[in-house]
Amino acid sequence: MTRATGYDEERLGRLLSLLRPAPEGWVQAATELPAARRSLDEIVSRAEQDIEFHRALIADLETALAQEGYEPVRPLVVELRKRFRDA
């Protein structure tokens, strides 16, 4: 840190140690988010390149995902519905 802020690393460490730990749900979400984003990007990219896959997603999203080996979990389904709403 710079002198202008008046906080050095040791002081910041002490201040951070006073905070409560992050809730379990936040930690779990932060851990799962990168993989979920990769899956989402992969599905969208494939749908842009494969018209049959795109049509299957529009017709029955959850079934199309399951048939392709993706777990149709709620956050993924909700985000895909948003992306394909106007398709």
C-alpha atoms as a PDB file:
ATOM      1  CA  MET A   1       0.000   0.000   0.000  1.00  0.00           C
ATOM      2  CA  THR A   2       1.071   3.560  -0.405  1.00  0.00           C
ATOM      3  CA  ARG A   3       1.875   5.957   2.384  1.00  0.00           C
ATOM      4  CA  ALA A   4      -0.963   8.206   1.283  1.00  0.00           C
ATOM      5  CA  THR A   5      -3.572   5.736   2.551  1.00  0.00           C
ATOM      6  CA  GLY A   6      -1.910   5.192   5.880  1.00  0.00           C
ATOM      7  CA  TYR A   7      -2.534   1.422   5.748  1.00  0.00           C
ATOM      8  CA  ASP A   8       0.284  -1.047   5.570  1.00  0.00           C
ATOM      9  CA  GLU A   9      -0.047  -4.764   4.848  1.00  0.00           C
ATOM     10  CA  GLU A  10       0.141  -5.745   8.522  1.00  0.00           C
ATOM     11  CA  ARG A  11      -2.611  -3.332   9.497  1.00  0.00           C
ATOM     12  CA  LEU A  12      -4.789  -4.494   6.620  1.00  0.00           C
ATOM     13  CA  GLY A  13      -4.184  -8.083   7.702  1.00  0.00           C
ATOM     14  CA  ARG A  14      -5.298  -7.286  11.245  1.00  0.00           C
ATOM     15  CA  LEU A  15      -8.396  -5.477   9.978  1.00  0.00           C
ATOM     16  CA  LEU A  16      -9.312  -8.344   7.663  1.00  0.00           C
ATOM     17  CA  SER A  17      -8.911 -10.835  10.493  1.00  0.00           C
ATOM     18  CA  LEU A  18     -11.657  -9.003  12.370  1.00  0.00           C
ATOM     19  CA  LEU A  19     -14.190  -9.791   9.657  1.00  0.00           C
ATOM     20  CA  ARG A  20     -16.432 -12.825   9.887  1.00  0.00           C
ATOM     21  CA  PRO A  21     -15.766 -15.598   7.359  1.00  0.00           C
ATOM     22  CA  ALA A  22     -17.763 -15.483   4.148  1.00  0.00           C
ATOM     23  CA  PRO A  23     -20.996 -17.512   4.255  1.00  0.00           C
ATOM     24  CA  GLU A  24     -20.679 -21.098   2.972  1.00  0.00           C
ATOM     25  CA  GLY A  25     -23.051 -20.384   0.095  1.00  0.00           C
ATOM     26  CA  TRP A  26     -20.882 -17.535  -1.143  1.00  0.00           C
ATOM     27  CA  VAL A  27     -17.771 -19.690  -1.020  1.00  0.00           C
ATOM     28  CA  GLN A  28     -19.508 -22.527  -2.852  1.00  0.00           C
ATOM     29  CA  ALA A  29     -20.900 -20.172  -5.517  1.00  0.00           C
ATOM     30  CA  ALA A  30     -17.486 -18.601  -6.062  1.00  0.00           C
ATOM     31  CA  THR A  31     -15.994 -22.069  -6.490  1.00  0.00           C
ATOM     32  CA  GLU A  32     -18.652 -23.232  -8.962  1.00  0.00           C
ATOM     33  CA  LEU A  33     -18.963 -20.041 -11.005  1.00  0.00           C
ATOM     34  CA  PRO A  34     -15.989 -20.518 -13.374  1.00  0.00           C
ATOM     35  CA  ALA A  35     -17.149 -23.986 -14.466  1.00  0.00           C
ATOM     36  CA  ALA A  36     -20.724 -22.771 -14.884  1.00  0.00           C
ATOM     37  CA  ARG A  37     -19.575 -19.895 -17.085  1.00  0.00           C
ATOM     38  CA  ARG A  38     -17.489 -22.253 -19.224  1.00  0.00           C
ATOM     39  CA  SER A  39     -20.490 -24.557 -19.706  1.00  0.00           C
ATOM     40  CA  LEU A  40     -22.729 -21.632 -20.573  1.00  0.00           C
ATOM     41  CA  ASP A  41     -20.237 -20.248 -23.099  1.00  0.00           C
ATOM     42  CA  GLU A  42     -19.756 -23.713 -24.599  1.00  0.00           C
ATOM     43  CA  ILE A  43     -23.503 -24.289 -25.006  1.00  0.00           C
ATOM     44  CA  VAL A  44     -24.100 -20.865 -26.551  1.00  0.00           C
ATOM     45  CA  SER A  45     -21.165 -21.255 -28.923  1.00  0.00           C
ATOM     46  CA  ARG A  46     -22.335 -24.676 -30.017  1.00  0.00           C
ATOM     47  CA  ALA A  47     -25.888 -23.427 -30.529  1.00  0.00           C
ATOM     48  CA  GLU A  48     -24.544 -20.639 -32.758  1.00  0.00           C
ATOM     49  CA  GLN A  49     -22.711 -23.184 -34.906  1.00  0.00           C
ATOM     50  CA  ASP A  50     -25.176 -26.093 -34.879  1.00  0.00           C
ATOM     51  CA  ILE A  51     -28.704 -25.189 -36.012  1.00  0.00           C
ATOM     52  CA  GLU A  52     -30.141 -28.563 -34.942  1.00  0.00           C
ATOM     53  CA  PHE A  53     -28.758 -28.160 -31.430  1.00  0.00           C
ATOM     54  CA  HIS A  54     -30.107 -24.605 -31.374  1.00  0.00           C
ATOM     55  CA  ARG A  55     -33.559 -25.818 -32.415  1.00  0.00           C
ATOM     56  CA  ALA A  56     -33.473 -28.572 -29.790  1.00  0.00           C
ATOM     57  CA  LEU A  57     -32.622 -26.011 -27.105  1.00  0.00           C
ATOM     58  CA  ILE A  58     -35.514 -23.796 -28.165  1.00  0.00           C
ATOM     59  CA  ALA A  59     -37.966 -26.708 -28.343  1.00  0.00           C
ATOM     60  CA  ASP A  60     -37.127 -28.293 -24.964  1.00  0.00           C
ATOM     61  CA  LEU A  61     -34.165 -26.764 -23.198  1.00  0.00           C
ATOM     62  CA  GLU A  62     -33.869 -29.138 -20.249  1.00  0.00           C
ATOM     63  CA  THR A  63     -34.181 -32.291 -22.351  1.00  0.00           C
ATOM     64  CA  ALA A  64     -31.689 -31.039 -24.944  1.00  0.00           C
ATOM     65  CA  LEU A  65     -29.171 -30.212 -22.228  1.00  0.00           C
ATOM     66  CA  ALA A  66     -29.590 -33.582 -20.509  1.00  0.00           C
ATOM     67  CA  GLN A  67     -29.238 -35.450 -23.807  1.00  0.00           C
ATOM     68  CA  GLU A  68     -25.951 -33.672 -24.446  1.00  0.00           C
ATOM     69  CA  GLY A  69     -24.562 -34.459 -21.000  1.00  0.00           C
ATOM     70  CA  TYR A  70     -25.187 -31.126 -19.300  1.00  0.00           C
ATOM     71  CA  GLU A  71     -26.944 -31.063 -15.960  1.00  0.00           C
ATOM     72  CA  PRO A  72     -29.946 -28.746 -16.454  1.00  0.00           C
ATOM     73  CA  VAL A  73     -29.525 -26.912 -13.142  1.00  0.00           C
ATOM     74  CA  ARG A  74     -31.749 -23.911 -12.542  1.00  0.00           C
ATOM     75  CA  PRO A  75     -29.153 -21.101 -12.917  1.00  0.00           C
ATOM     76  CA  LEU A  76     -27.942 -22.522 -16.229  1.00  0.00           C
ATOM     77  CA  VAL A  77     -31.482 -22.984 -17.552  1.00  0.00           C
ATOM     78  CA  VAL A  78     -32.514 -19.464 -16.503  1.00  0.00           C
ATOM     79  CA  GLU A  79     -29.504 -17.855 -18.187  1.00  0.00           C
ATOM     80  CA  LEU A  80     -29.933 -19.876 -21.373  1.00  0.00           C
ATOM     81  CA  ARG A  81     -33.621 -18.960 -21.528  1.00  0.00           C
ATOM     82  CA  LYS A  82     -32.629 -15.295 -21.337  1.00  0.00           C
ATOM     83  CA  ARG A  83     -30.113 -15.698 -24.120  1.00  0.00           C
ATOM     84  CA  PHE A  84     -32.434 -17.649 -26.419  1.00  0.00           C
ATOM     85  CA  ARG A  85     -35.636 -15.754 -25.595  1.00  0.00           C
ATOM     86  CA  ASP A  86     -35.753 -13.919 -28.910  1.00  0.00           C
ATOM     87  CA  ALA A  87     -34.516 -16.826 -31.011  1.00  0.00           C
END
